[in-house]
Protein backbone atom coordinates (compact mmCIF):
# COMPACT_ATOMS: atom_id res chain seq x y z
CA UNK A 1 125.87 146.73 73.87
CA UNK A 2 125.74 150.50 74.29
CA UNK A 3 122.73 152.05 75.97
CA UNK A 4 121.80 154.02 72.84
CA UNK A 5 121.84 150.89 70.65
CA UNK A 6 119.74 149.02 73.19
CA UNK A 7 117.28 151.92 73.53
CA UNK A 8 116.94 152.26 69.74
CA UNK A 9 116.23 148.53 69.40
CA UNK A 10 113.65 148.65 72.18
CA UNK A 11 111.89 151.66 70.60
CA UNK A 12 111.73 149.97 67.19
CA UNK A 13 110.44 146.76 68.77
CA UNK A 14 107.73 148.73 70.61
CA UNK A 15 106.49 150.27 67.34
CA UNK A 16 106.58 146.81 65.76
CA UNK A 17 104.39 145.40 68.56
CA UNK A 18 101.91 148.24 68.06
CA UNK A 19 101.79 147.48 64.34
CA UNK A 20 101.10 143.83 65.06
CA UNK A 21 98.01 144.96 66.98
CA UNK A 22 96.96 147.30 64.16
CA UNK A 23 97.34 144.51 61.63
CA UNK A 24 95.26 142.12 63.73
CA UNK A 25 92.53 144.75 64.09
CA UNK A 26 92.51 145.43 60.33
CA UNK A 27 92.10 141.71 59.71
CA UNK A 28 89.34 141.46 62.33
CA UNK A 29 87.47 144.34 60.66
CA UNK A 30 87.81 142.69 57.24
CA UNK A 31 89.90 145.35 55.52
CA UNK A 32 91.33 142.70 53.20
CA UNK A 33 94.05 144.11 50.96
CA UNK A 34 93.15 147.77 51.37
CA UNK A 35 95.91 150.08 52.50
CA UNK A 36 95.60 150.55 56.24
CA UNK A 37 97.55 152.69 58.70
CA UNK A 38 100.73 151.47 60.37
CA UNK A 39 103.10 153.37 62.61
CA UNK A 40 106.57 154.36 61.48
CA UNK A 41 108.94 151.84 63.12
CA UNK A 42 111.91 154.20 63.40
CA UNK A 43 113.98 154.42 66.57
CA UNK A 44 112.70 157.90 67.55
CA UNK A 45 110.37 157.24 70.49
CA UNK A 46 108.33 160.42 69.88
CA UNK A 47 107.65 159.68 66.20
CA UNK A 48 103.95 159.78 65.31
CA UNK A 49 104.24 159.31 61.54
CA UNK A 50 101.69 157.01 59.92
CA UNK A 51 102.32 154.88 56.84
CA UNK A 52 99.62 153.26 54.73
CA UNK A 53 100.44 149.71 53.64
CA UNK A 54 98.62 146.63 52.46
CA UNK A 55 98.83 143.64 54.78
CA UNK A 56 100.93 141.89 52.13
CA UNK A 57 103.47 144.74 52.13
CA UNK A 58 103.68 144.65 55.92
CA UNK A 59 104.04 140.86 55.96
CA UNK A 60 106.92 141.08 53.47
CA UNK A 61 108.75 143.25 56.02
CA UNK A 62 107.80 141.08 59.00
CA UNK A 63 109.12 137.96 57.27
CA UNK A 64 112.57 139.19 58.39
CA UNK A 65 113.12 139.86 62.09
CA UNK A 66 115.76 142.54 61.43
CA UNK A 67 113.65 144.61 59.01
CA UNK A 68 111.44 147.58 59.78
CA UNK A 69 109.12 149.84 57.80
CA UNK A 70 109.32 153.58 58.26
CA UNK A 71 108.61 156.96 56.78
CA UNK A 72 111.19 157.86 54.11
CA UNK A 73 114.09 159.72 55.70
CA UNK A 74 113.60 158.24 59.17
CA UNK A 75 116.31 155.60 58.74
CA UNK A 76 119.53 155.84 60.71
CA UNK A 77 123.04 156.10 59.32
CA UNK A 78 123.79 152.43 60.05
CA UNK A 79 120.50 151.13 58.59
CA UNK A 80 120.66 149.34 55.24
CA UNK A 81 117.82 150.39 52.93
CA UNK A 82 116.20 147.28 51.45
CA UNK A 83 113.27 148.94 49.68
CA UNK A 84 112.52 152.61 49.04
CA UNK A 85 109.01 153.51 47.89
CA UNK A 86 107.21 156.86 47.64
CA UNK A 87 105.29 156.29 50.90
CA UNK A 88 107.61 154.07 52.91
CA UNK A 89 111.13 152.75 53.33
CA UNK A 90 112.14 149.27 54.49
CA UNK A 91 115.43 149.03 56.35
CA UNK A 92 117.45 146.19 57.84
CA UNK A 93 119.39 146.38 61.09
CA UNK A 94 122.82 144.80 61.47
CA UNK A 95 125.44 144.34 64.15
CA UNK A 96 124.49 144.59 67.81
CA UNK A 97 121.25 146.40 67.09
CA UNK A 98 120.25 143.78 64.52
CA UNK A 99 120.85 140.99 67.02
CA UNK A 100 118.88 142.84 69.70
CA UNK A 101 115.83 143.54 67.50
CA UNK A 102 115.81 139.91 66.33
CA UNK A 103 115.83 138.78 69.97
CA UNK A 104 112.90 141.11 70.73
CA UNK A 105 110.78 139.83 67.80
CA UNK A 106 107.76 138.08 69.28
CA UNK A 107 107.22 136.12 66.07
CA UNK A 108 110.63 134.51 66.45
CA UNK A 109 109.84 133.39 69.99
CA UNK A 110 106.80 131.41 68.88
């Protein structure tokens, strides 16, 4: 696996872990199905874009270990767009990067 593919996968997984914490906090605070902030899960480590999603929308993405939610236009050339909405895009990783992000998914380890 090339260093850039590995680094991209690790960056996306880090944003995903942060979003897991945000989701847990939203649940703890009783936000219900309101749109709450999530971080863009793109591979750019300096990205600070925020996306507003319902917990259901986020859970639809998280049901697949190779899928990520991001700001429209932040997807890479090799990413397959699964869903494209006005406020967010859902992509799916494939190949080496897809295998790496799936291996880094804490939900799959449980």
